[in-house]
Protein backbone atom coordinates (compact mmCIF):
# COMPACT_ATOMS: atom_id res chain seq x y z
CA UNK A 1 -24.50 -14.42 -34.10
CA UNK A 2 -24.67 -17.18 -36.70
CA UNK A 3 -21.74 -18.79 -38.39
CA UNK A 4 -22.82 -17.38 -41.77
CA UNK A 5 -22.81 -13.85 -40.30
CA UNK A 6 -19.30 -14.33 -38.83
CA UNK A 7 -17.95 -15.56 -42.15
CA UNK A 8 -19.57 -12.70 -44.00
CA UNK A 9 -17.90 -10.13 -41.74
CA UNK A 10 -14.54 -11.77 -42.04
CA UNK A 11 -14.85 -11.94 -45.77
CA UNK A 12 -15.80 -8.26 -45.93
CA UNK A 13 -12.73 -7.34 -43.85
CA UNK A 14 -10.40 -9.31 -46.07
CA UNK A 15 -11.88 -7.81 -49.21
CA UNK A 16 -11.50 -4.37 -47.71
CA UNK A 17 -7.83 -4.97 -46.96
CA UNK A 18 -7.28 -6.42 -50.41
CA UNK A 19 -8.86 -3.46 -52.10
CA UNK A 20 -7.02 -0.79 -50.12
CA UNK A 21 -5.00 1.49 -52.41
CA UNK A 22 -1.29 1.89 -51.70
CA UNK A 23 -0.45 4.72 -49.32
CA UNK A 24 2.89 5.51 -51.09
CA UNK A 25 2.66 7.89 -54.02
CA UNK A 26 4.29 7.28 -57.38
CA UNK A 27 4.81 11.04 -57.84
CA UNK A 28 8.60 11.57 -57.87
CA UNK A 29 8.51 15.29 -57.04
CA UNK A 30 9.63 14.88 -53.43
CA UNK A 31 12.46 12.47 -54.45
CA UNK A 32 13.67 14.87 -57.14
CA UNK A 33 13.63 17.75 -54.73
CA UNK A 34 15.72 15.70 -52.31
CA UNK A 35 18.15 14.93 -55.13
CA UNK A 36 18.48 18.61 -55.92
CA UNK A 37 18.98 19.41 -52.21
CA UNK A 38 21.75 16.83 -51.88
CA UNK A 39 23.56 18.19 -54.96
CA UNK A 40 23.39 21.88 -53.95
CA UNK A 41 26.60 23.14 -52.40
CA UNK A 42 28.67 20.41 -54.04
CA UNK A 43 29.05 21.76 -57.58
CA UNK A 44 30.94 25.06 -57.08
CA UNK A 45 28.06 26.76 -58.78
CA UNK A 46 25.74 29.43 -57.43
CA UNK A 47 22.81 28.03 -59.41
CA UNK A 48 20.55 25.75 -57.37
CA UNK A 49 19.64 22.41 -58.93
CA UNK A 50 15.94 23.13 -58.50
CA UNK A 51 16.27 26.21 -60.68
CA UNK A 52 18.52 24.36 -63.09
CA UNK A 53 15.92 21.62 -63.57
CA UNK A 54 12.94 23.97 -63.73
CA UNK A 55 13.17 24.18 -67.50
CA UNK A 56 13.65 21.50 -70.22
CA UNK A 57 17.25 20.54 -70.85
CA UNK A 58 16.82 21.80 -74.41
CA UNK A 59 16.10 25.32 -73.23
CA UNK A 60 19.29 27.35 -73.77
CA UNK A 61 17.93 30.84 -73.15
CA UNK A 62 18.99 33.19 -70.46
CA UNK A 63 22.44 31.93 -69.31
CA UNK A 64 24.80 32.42 -72.29
CA UNK A 65 24.27 33.83 -75.73
CA UNK A 66 26.90 31.49 -77.27
CA UNK A 67 29.16 34.35 -78.38
CA UNK A 68 30.25 36.34 -75.35
CA UNK A 69 33.24 35.39 -73.21
CA UNK A 70 32.58 32.15 -71.32
CA UNK A 71 33.47 31.95 -67.63
CA UNK A 72 33.63 28.91 -65.38
CA UNK A 73 30.43 29.75 -63.46
CA UNK A 74 28.53 30.15 -66.75
CA UNK A 75 29.88 26.78 -68.00
CA UNK A 76 28.74 25.14 -64.79
CA UNK A 77 25.27 26.61 -64.96
CA UNK A 78 24.88 25.55 -68.60
CA UNK A 79 25.88 22.00 -67.67
CA UNK A 80 23.51 21.76 -64.74
CA UNK A 81 20.64 22.80 -67.00
CA UNK A 82 21.43 21.41 -70.40
CA UNK A 83 23.27 18.11 -69.79
CA UNK A 84 20.80 15.28 -70.68
CA UNK A 85 22.69 12.79 -68.46
CA UNK A 86 21.51 14.66 -65.34
CA UNK A 87 17.90 14.50 -66.56
CA UNK A 88 18.31 10.76 -67.23
CA UNK A 89 19.30 10.35 -63.62
CA UNK A 90 16.08 12.07 -62.57
CA UNK A 91 14.15 9.67 -64.78
CA UNK A 92 15.81 6.77 -62.96
CA UNK A 93 14.80 8.34 -59.61
CA UNK A 94 11.22 8.62 -60.86
CA UNK A 95 11.32 4.98 -62.01
CA UNK A 96 12.45 3.85 -58.53
CA UNK A 97 9.77 5.97 -56.91
CA UNK A 98 7.29 4.03 -59.04
CA UNK A 99 8.78 0.74 -57.83
CA UNK A 100 8.40 1.89 -54.22
CA UNK A 101 4.73 2.77 -54.80
CA UNK A 102 4.16 -0.59 -56.49
CA UNK A 103 5.66 -2.44 -53.50
CA UNK A 104 2.91 -1.05 -51.27
CA UNK A 105 0.07 -2.32 -53.50
CA UNK A 106 -1.56 -5.67 -52.74
CA UNK A 107 -1.98 -8.18 -55.55
CA UNK A 108 -5.25 -7.93 -57.41
CA UNK A 109 -8.02 -10.41 -56.51
CA UNK A 110 -8.79 -13.05 -59.09
CA UNK A 111 -12.35 -13.78 -60.12
CA UNK A 112 -13.21 -17.10 -61.72
CA UNK A 113 -16.42 -18.07 -63.54
CA UNK A 114 -17.84 -21.40 -64.47
CA UNK A 115 -21.08 -22.55 -66.11
CA UNK A 116 -21.91 -26.24 -66.38
CA UNK A 117 -23.91 -27.93 -69.11
CA UNK A 118 -26.22 -30.72 -68.13
CA UNK A 119 -25.76 -33.55 -70.59
CA UNK A 120 -28.78 -35.63 -69.47
CA UNK A 121 -31.19 -32.79 -70.36
CA UNK A 122 -33.06 -33.27 -67.12
CA UNK A 123 -31.21 -30.95 -64.68
CA UNK A 124 -30.59 -27.28 -64.62
CA UNK A 125 -27.15 -25.94 -65.57
CA UNK A 126 -24.80 -25.48 -62.60
CA UNK A 127 -22.90 -22.16 -62.14
CA UNK A 128 -19.93 -21.05 -60.13
CA UNK A 129 -18.36 -17.66 -59.28
CA UNK A 130 -15.19 -17.67 -57.28
CA UNK A 131 -13.14 -14.84 -55.75
CA UNK A 132 -9.52 -15.53 -54.81
CA UNK A 133 -7.13 -13.24 -52.95
CA UNK A 134 -3.52 -13.95 -52.00
CA UNK A 135 -2.81 -12.93 -48.34
CA UNK A 136 0.87 -13.52 -47.89
CA UNK A 137 1.54 -9.95 -49.00
CA UNK A 138 0.11 -8.71 -45.69
CA UNK A 139 3.06 -9.95 -43.64
CA UNK A 140 5.68 -9.53 -46.35
CA UNK A 141 4.67 -5.97 -47.38
CA UNK A 142 6.87 -4.18 -44.88
CA UNK A 143 9.98 -5.97 -46.18
CA UNK A 144 9.01 -5.31 -49.79
CA UNK A 145 8.53 -1.61 -49.07
CA UNK A 146 11.79 -1.48 -47.15
CA UNK A 147 13.71 -3.00 -50.13
CA UNK A 148 12.37 -0.46 -52.64
CA UNK A 149 12.68 2.39 -50.17
CA UNK A 150 16.43 1.72 -49.60
CA UNK A 151 16.90 1.33 -53.36
CA UNK A 152 15.22 4.71 -53.88
CA UNK A 153 17.56 6.33 -51.36
CA UNK A 154 20.54 4.79 -53.11
CA UNK A 155 19.22 6.00 -56.45
CA UNK A 156 18.73 9.52 -55.11
CA UNK A 157 22.31 9.51 -53.78
CA UNK A 158 23.65 8.16 -57.08
CA UNK A 159 21.80 10.80 -59.02
CA UNK A 160 23.16 13.59 -56.80
CA UNK A 161 26.62 12.11 -57.12
CA UNK A 162 26.36 12.17 -60.86
CA UNK A 163 25.73 15.96 -60.62
CA UNK A 164 28.84 16.32 -58.50
CA UNK A 165 30.92 14.24 -60.95
CA UNK A 166 29.57 16.23 -63.91
CA UNK A 167 30.44 19.53 -62.23
CA UNK A 168 33.97 18.21 -61.56
CA UNK A 169 34.25 17.17 -65.21
CA UNK A 170 33.27 20.70 -66.29
CA UNK A 171 35.81 22.28 -63.97
CA UNK A 172 38.50 19.95 -65.21
CA UNK A 173 37.58 20.54 -68.82
CA UNK A 174 37.57 24.29 -68.30
CA UNK A 175 41.04 24.07 -66.70
CA UNK A 176 42.27 22.04 -69.68
CA UNK A 177 40.96 24.74 -72.03
CA UNK A 178 42.62 27.49 -69.99
CA UNK A 179 45.87 25.54 -70.30
CA UNK A 180 45.45 25.03 -74.02
CA UNK A 181 44.69 28.74 -74.59
CA UNK A 182 47.70 29.81 -72.50
CA UNK A 183 49.90 27.29 -74.39
CA UNK A 184 48.69 28.79 -77.69
CA UNK A 185 49.64 32.35 -76.58
CA UNK A 186 53.01 31.10 -75.47
CA UNK A 187 53.61 29.38 -78.80
CA UNK A 188 52.50 32.50 -80.62
CA UNK A 189 54.98 34.67 -78.70
CA UNK A 190 57.83 32.20 -79.34
CA UNK A 191 56.96 31.96 -83.05
CA UNK A 192 57.15 35.72 -83.29
CA UNK A 193 60.52 35.63 -81.54
CA UNK A 194 61.94 33.03 -83.93
CA UNK A 195 60.63 35.06 -86.87
CA UNK A 196 62.42 38.18 -85.60
CA UNK A 197 65.59 36.20 -85.01
CA UNK A 198 65.38 34.76 -88.52
CA UNK A 199 65.07 38.22 -90.01
CA UNK A 200 68.08 39.48 -87.93
CA UNK A 201 70.13 36.43 -88.84
CA UNK A 202 69.42 36.87 -92.58
CA UNK A 203 70.41 40.57 -92.32
CA UNK A 204 73.66 39.72 -90.53
CA UNK A 205 74.47 36.92 -92.97
CA UNK A 206 73.81 39.26 -95.93
CA UNK A 207 76.24 41.73 -94.31
CA UNK A 208 78.80 38.95 -94.00
CA UNK A 209 78.80 38.94 -90.23
CA UNK A 210 77.30 35.45 -89.89
CA UNK A 211 77.72 32.25 -91.91
CA UNK A 212 74.78 30.95 -93.92
CA UNK A 213 74.46 27.89 -91.67
CA UNK A 214 73.18 30.20 -88.91
CA UNK A 215 70.42 31.29 -91.23
CA UNK A 216 69.47 27.66 -91.88
CA UNK A 217 69.33 26.98 -88.12
CA UNK A 218 67.22 30.06 -87.50
CA UNK A 219 64.82 29.02 -90.29
CA UNK A 220 64.48 25.51 -88.83
CA UNK A 221 63.74 26.94 -85.43
CA UNK A 222 61.11 29.20 -86.94
CA UNK A 223 59.44 26.40 -88.86
CA UNK A 224 59.45 24.16 -85.77
CA UNK A 225 57.86 26.99 -83.76
CA UNK A 226 55.11 27.41 -86.40
CA UNK A 227 54.44 23.63 -86.37
CA UNK A 228 54.07 23.63 -82.57
CA UNK A 229 51.81 26.70 -82.78
CA UNK A 230 49.56 24.92 -85.26
CA UNK A 231 49.34 21.93 -82.97
CA UNK A 232 48.58 24.15 -79.96
CA UNK A 233 45.70 25.81 -81.81
CA UNK A 234 44.21 22.47 -82.76
CA UNK A 235 44.58 21.27 -79.23
CA UNK A 236 42.74 24.33 -77.94
CA UNK A 237 39.89 23.68 -80.38
CA UNK A 238 39.72 20.08 -79.21
CA UNK A 239 39.44 21.28 -75.63
CA UNK A 240 36.59 23.59 -76.58
CA UNK A 241 34.76 20.73 -78.28
CA UNK A 242 35.13 18.63 -75.14
CA UNK A 243 33.83 21.46 -72.95
CA UNK A 244 30.85 22.09 -75.23
CA UNK A 245 29.90 18.39 -75.08
CA UNK A 246 30.00 18.37 -71.29
CA UNK A 247 27.86 21.50 -71.23
CA UNK A 248 25.22 19.88 -73.45
CA UNK A 249 26.06 22.11 -76.46
CA UNK A 250 28.08 19.68 -78.62
CA UNK A 251 27.09 21.22 -81.98
CA UNK A 252 27.92 24.80 -80.99
CA UNK A 253 30.63 26.78 -82.76
CA UNK A 254 34.06 27.09 -81.14
CA UNK A 255 34.21 30.77 -81.99
CA UNK A 256 34.10 32.01 -78.43
CA UNK A 257 36.63 33.20 -75.85
CA UNK A 258 37.07 32.07 -72.27
CA UNK A 259 38.14 33.94 -69.16
CA UNK A 260 39.73 32.55 -66.03
CA UNK A 261 43.02 31.59 -64.41
CA UNK A 262 44.68 29.01 -62.20
CA UNK A 263 45.55 31.33 -59.30
CA UNK A 264 42.53 30.49 -57.18
CA UNK A 265 43.81 26.92 -56.86
CA UNK A 266 47.19 28.11 -55.65
CA UNK A 267 46.07 30.35 -52.79
CA UNK A 268 43.83 27.84 -51.01
CA UNK A 269 44.89 26.76 -47.50
CA UNK A 270 45.75 23.06 -47.77
CA UNK A 271 43.55 20.71 -45.74
CA UNK A 272 45.00 18.05 -43.49
CA UNK A 273 45.12 14.42 -44.59
CA UNK A 274 43.05 13.41 -41.58
CA UNK A 275 40.22 15.77 -42.58
CA UNK A 276 40.45 14.54 -46.20
CA UNK A 277 40.04 10.93 -45.13
CA UNK A 278 37.16 11.76 -42.76
CA UNK A 279 35.31 13.67 -45.41
CA UNK A 280 35.85 10.94 -48.01
CA UNK A 281 34.29 8.28 -45.68
CA UNK A 282 31.43 10.42 -44.29
CA UNK A 283 30.44 13.13 -46.78
CA UNK A 284 30.73 11.37 -50.15
CA UNK A 285 27.43 10.53 -51.84
CA UNK A 286 28.57 7.30 -53.54
CA UNK A 287 29.75 5.90 -50.19
CA UNK A 288 26.32 6.66 -48.70
CA UNK A 289 24.61 5.08 -51.72
CA UNK A 290 26.59 1.88 -51.25
CA UNK A 291 25.46 1.80 -47.59
CA UNK A 292 21.85 2.11 -48.68
CA UNK A 293 22.29 -0.81 -51.06
CA UNK A 294 23.53 -2.88 -48.15
CA UNK A 295 20.32 -2.04 -46.25
CA UNK A 296 18.23 -3.02 -49.33
CA UNK A 297 20.07 -6.32 -49.52
CA UNK A 298 19.40 -6.99 -45.83
CA UNK A 299 15.73 -6.23 -46.31
CA UNK A 300 15.61 -8.65 -49.28
CA UNK A 301 17.23 -11.32 -47.06
CA UNK A 302 14.41 -10.80 -44.52
CA UNK A 303 11.86 -11.05 -47.29
CA UNK A 304 13.35 -14.35 -48.50
CA UNK A 305 13.11 -15.69 -44.97
CA UNK A 306 9.30 -15.78 -45.48
CA UNK A 307 9.88 -18.52 -48.06
CA UNK A 308 9.95 -21.01 -45.17
CA UNK A 309 6.42 -19.93 -44.18
CA UNK A 310 3.44 -21.33 -46.13
CA UNK A 311 1.85 -18.91 -48.59
CA UNK A 312 -1.83 -18.35 -47.79
CA UNK A 313 -4.72 -17.38 -50.02
CA UNK A 314 -8.41 -16.77 -49.37
CA UNK A 315 -11.23 -17.66 -51.70
CA UNK A 316 -14.94 -17.20 -51.61
CA UNK A 317 -17.17 -19.11 -54.02
CA UNK A 318 -20.83 -18.92 -54.94
CA UNK A 319 -22.12 -22.15 -56.44
CA UNK A 320 -25.39 -23.43 -57.82
CA UNK A 321 -25.63 -27.17 -58.27
CA UNK A 322 -27.71 -29.28 -60.69
CA UNK A 323 -30.66 -29.37 -58.42
CA UNK A 324 -30.74 -25.53 -58.19
CA UNK A 325 -29.48 -25.27 -54.65
CA UNK A 326 -27.21 -22.25 -54.02
CA UNK A 327 -24.27 -22.11 -51.62
CA UNK A 328 -21.67 -19.58 -50.46
CA UNK A 329 -18.43 -21.41 -49.88
CA UNK A 330 -15.55 -19.59 -48.15
CA UNK A 331 -12.19 -21.31 -48.17
CA UNK A 332 -8.45 -20.91 -48.07
CA UNK A 333 -5.42 -22.20 -49.94
CA UNK A 334 -2.00 -22.95 -48.36
CA UNK A 335 1.15 -23.81 -50.23
CA UNK A 336 3.36 -26.13 -48.16
CA UNK A 337 7.11 -25.41 -48.52
CA UNK A 338 8.16 -29.00 -48.98
CA UNK A 339 9.79 -29.29 -52.41
CA UNK A 340 11.02 -25.70 -52.32
CA UNK A 341 11.67 -24.92 -48.66
CA UNK A 342 13.28 -21.55 -49.44
CA UNK A 343 16.81 -22.68 -48.61
CA UNK A 344 18.21 -21.75 -52.00
CA UNK A 345 16.54 -18.35 -52.10
CA UNK A 346 17.71 -17.55 -48.56
CA UNK A 347 21.29 -18.61 -49.32
CA UNK A 348 21.27 -16.44 -52.46
CA UNK A 349 19.93 -13.45 -50.48
CA UNK A 350 22.57 -13.90 -47.80
CA UNK A 351 25.26 -13.95 -50.48
CA UNK A 352 23.93 -10.73 -51.96
CA UNK A 353 24.08 -9.12 -48.54
CA UNK A 354 27.74 -10.12 -48.20
CA UNK A 355 28.45 -8.89 -51.75
CA UNK A 356 26.79 -5.55 -51.04
CA UNK A 357 28.84 -5.13 -47.83
CA UNK A 358 32.07 -5.92 -49.68
CA UNK A 359 31.08 -3.54 -52.49
CA UNK A 360 30.52 -0.83 -49.92
CA UNK A 361 33.90 -1.56 -48.35
CA UNK A 362 35.56 -1.36 -51.80
CA UNK A 363 33.93 1.97 -52.59
CA UNK A 364 34.90 3.33 -49.18
CA UNK A 365 38.54 2.24 -49.62
CA UNK A 366 38.66 3.61 -53.16
CA UNK A 367 37.33 6.92 -51.88
CA UNK A 368 40.08 7.16 -49.29
CA UNK A 369 42.73 6.29 -51.86
CA UNK A 370 41.38 8.81 -54.35
CA UNK A 371 41.27 11.57 -51.71
CA UNK A 372 44.81 10.90 -50.47
CA UNK A 373 46.25 10.64 -53.97
CA UNK A 374 44.55 13.89 -55.03
CA UNK A 375 45.85 15.68 -51.95
CA UNK A 376 49.35 14.40 -52.56
CA UNK A 377 49.14 15.39 -56.27
CA UNK A 378 47.95 18.87 -55.31
CA UNK A 379 50.80 19.38 -52.84
CA UNK A 380 53.35 18.19 -55.42
CA UNK A 381 51.94 20.42 -58.17
CA UNK A 382 51.81 23.47 -55.89
CA UNK A 383 55.40 22.97 -54.84
CA UNK A 384 56.47 22.59 -58.44
CA UNK A 385 54.58 25.73 -59.42
CA UNK A 386 56.41 27.68 -56.72
CA UNK A 387 59.74 26.28 -57.81
CA UNK A 388 59.22 27.05 -61.48
CA UNK A 389 57.47 30.38 -61.16
CA UNK A 390 59.67 31.99 -58.44
CA UNK A 391 62.90 30.32 -59.39
CA UNK A 392 63.48 28.75 -62.76
CA UNK A 393 61.18 30.78 -65.04
CA UNK A 394 62.07 34.07 -63.39
CA UNK A 395 65.78 33.33 -63.73
CA UNK A 396 65.35 32.20 -67.35
CA UNK A 397 63.63 35.43 -68.24
CA UNK A 398 66.48 37.45 -66.76
CA UNK A 399 69.00 35.45 -68.74
CA UNK A 400 67.03 35.98 -71.98
CA UNK A 401 66.88 39.69 -71.31
CA UNK A 402 70.66 39.86 -70.86
CA UNK A 403 71.21 37.67 -73.90
CA UNK A 404 69.08 39.94 -76.05
CA UNK A 405 71.09 42.94 -74.88
CA UNK A 406 74.33 41.10 -75.59
CA UNK A 407 73.10 40.08 -79.03
CA UNK A 408 72.25 43.67 -79.94
CA UNK A 409 75.72 44.71 -78.72
CA UNK A 410 77.30 42.04 -80.88
CA UNK A 411 78.65 40.12 -77.93
CA UNK A 412 76.37 37.10 -78.23
CA UNK A 413 75.59 35.18 -81.41
CA UNK A 414 72.14 34.34 -82.73
CA UNK A 415 72.52 30.64 -81.96
CA UNK A 416 73.27 31.27 -78.30
CA UNK A 417 70.33 33.67 -78.03
CA UNK A 418 67.95 31.16 -79.61
CA UNK A 419 69.13 28.44 -77.25
CA UNK A 420 68.47 30.73 -74.26
CA UNK A 421 65.00 31.65 -75.55
CA UNK A 422 64.17 28.02 -76.29
CA UNK A 423 65.14 27.00 -72.74
CA UNK A 424 62.94 29.75 -71.29
CA UNK A 425 59.98 28.56 -73.44
CA UNK A 426 60.53 24.95 -72.24
CA UNK A 427 60.43 26.14 -68.61
CA UNK A 428 57.29 28.24 -69.21
CA UNK A 429 55.59 25.22 -70.83
CA UNK A 430 56.50 23.12 -67.78
CA UNK A 431 55.16 25.84 -65.52
CA UNK A 432 51.86 25.81 -67.40
CA UNK A 433 51.72 22.04 -67.18
CA UNK A 434 52.27 22.19 -63.36
CA UNK A 435 49.54 24.84 -62.99
CA UNK A 436 47.15 22.60 -64.89
CA UNK A 437 48.10 19.60 -62.72
CA UNK A 438 47.53 21.62 -59.59
CA UNK A 439 44.14 22.80 -60.83
CA UNK A 440 43.01 19.29 -61.84
CA UNK A 441 44.29 17.85 -58.56
CA UNK A 442 42.25 20.38 -56.61
CA UNK A 443 39.14 19.50 -58.65
CA UNK A 444 39.78 15.77 -57.96
CA UNK A 445 40.34 16.51 -54.30
CA UNK A 446 37.09 18.39 -53.84
CA UNK A 447 35.25 15.62 -55.74
CA UNK A 448 36.98 13.01 -53.51
CA UNK A 449 35.70 14.62 -50.35
CA UNK A 450 32.09 14.95 -51.56
CA UNK A 451 32.20 18.09 -53.68
CA UNK A 452 33.35 20.85 -51.37
CA UNK A 453 35.33 21.48 -48.18
CA UNK A 454 32.56 23.87 -47.15
CA UNK A 455 30.12 21.01 -46.41
CA UNK A 456 29.62 19.97 -42.80
CA UNK A 457 31.19 16.62 -41.94
CA UNK A 458 28.05 14.60 -41.64
CA UNK A 459 26.41 11.80 -43.64
CA UNK A 460 24.09 12.84 -46.43
CA UNK A 461 20.46 12.68 -45.42
CA UNK A 462 18.21 11.19 -48.04
CA UNK A 463 14.96 11.88 -46.18
CA UNK A 464 13.68 15.05 -44.56
CA UNK A 465 14.12 14.81 -40.81
CA UNK A 466 16.30 11.68 -41.00
CA UNK A 467 18.96 11.52 -38.31
CA UNK A 468 22.47 12.09 -39.57
């Protein structure tokens, strides 16, 4: 075997490797499916994310007609389909899938051309064709792929976590609207009561049984009740606008009714603090995403370690000289890490690893705090609901009933009756507030443990068949 034949075969092998297409696809379908799989079971909705994303986010047909009574499940399904933020997250997943595919591709070969001009007029013109291919990518490709792969896993987890956060926002917004509607009904009832009392007071004053100052007091109470009712109605409309925005229907009319209550939050068996902490650390998607970013930073540190190794390139040139002789000239280029020995890049990469680890620790500690605070808030609100509902409000209603009977019998004055009714309304308002706090605390608690207490206590798997 001649030397020329050996070089020809080696050249062919290098060109074959350089021209190999990447084996990683840029199609994001599998990554999006994995995102949907991670989000399922964490949103309190029966609609799967794959079905929710099967249609464009602008498609509003088939779930709600915009006029019928809106329930929480319907609001969740609308959000999962029509919220553009969730689709933006999928676009980011697709972008990162493209970055992963790009990392598996070798750099393109460079072809150079040259044609000489003989200035003495006596020789033929020389020519040169040169092919150059960088080879360093061969031993750095695994690290490059690893970086983008871990970033993709983190992006998938972040996208799924956005779905969970959005669902929690809808549940909280729906609870706020339930509270605002209940507050409006309470204000309406009290306004009607003050109106009746005003009419009775005016009649008694006209008959000379009450001084006119009692009429003035009753009128002030009635006007104050009407002012609070007006504020409650506006607050309820604001809550509807907030809910419509979260659902992806911000321009829709607020002329719709809702249906639901807070009782489901009250009857749930409370979890232990130990379980809450364990779920926050293991099950949460943002914690898992932070861990993947640490792995990406470590892969980048390995990649930067190659900066100490010379970069190698291969070139193959065909030349024709002035005398017409042709030559095939294989060669190589090597960059010597002397002026830039990679020390700065390696130090920077090591610092990024440490920063990523600290960021993961911060996210993990914040998750634990959020879970414990939400659990404590839920316990507090549930206890307050029990105290108000079974004790204070029930007693206040009994007192109002007796006061009304005494008023009709002429034993109790209008002022005393109104004071009793006003106190009952204040207690009912506080009861509503505590029910709202309990509902919001439960939503926060489920979000803090990864979306649901029904999930198994295991780390989210971002790849099919990946060990948990």
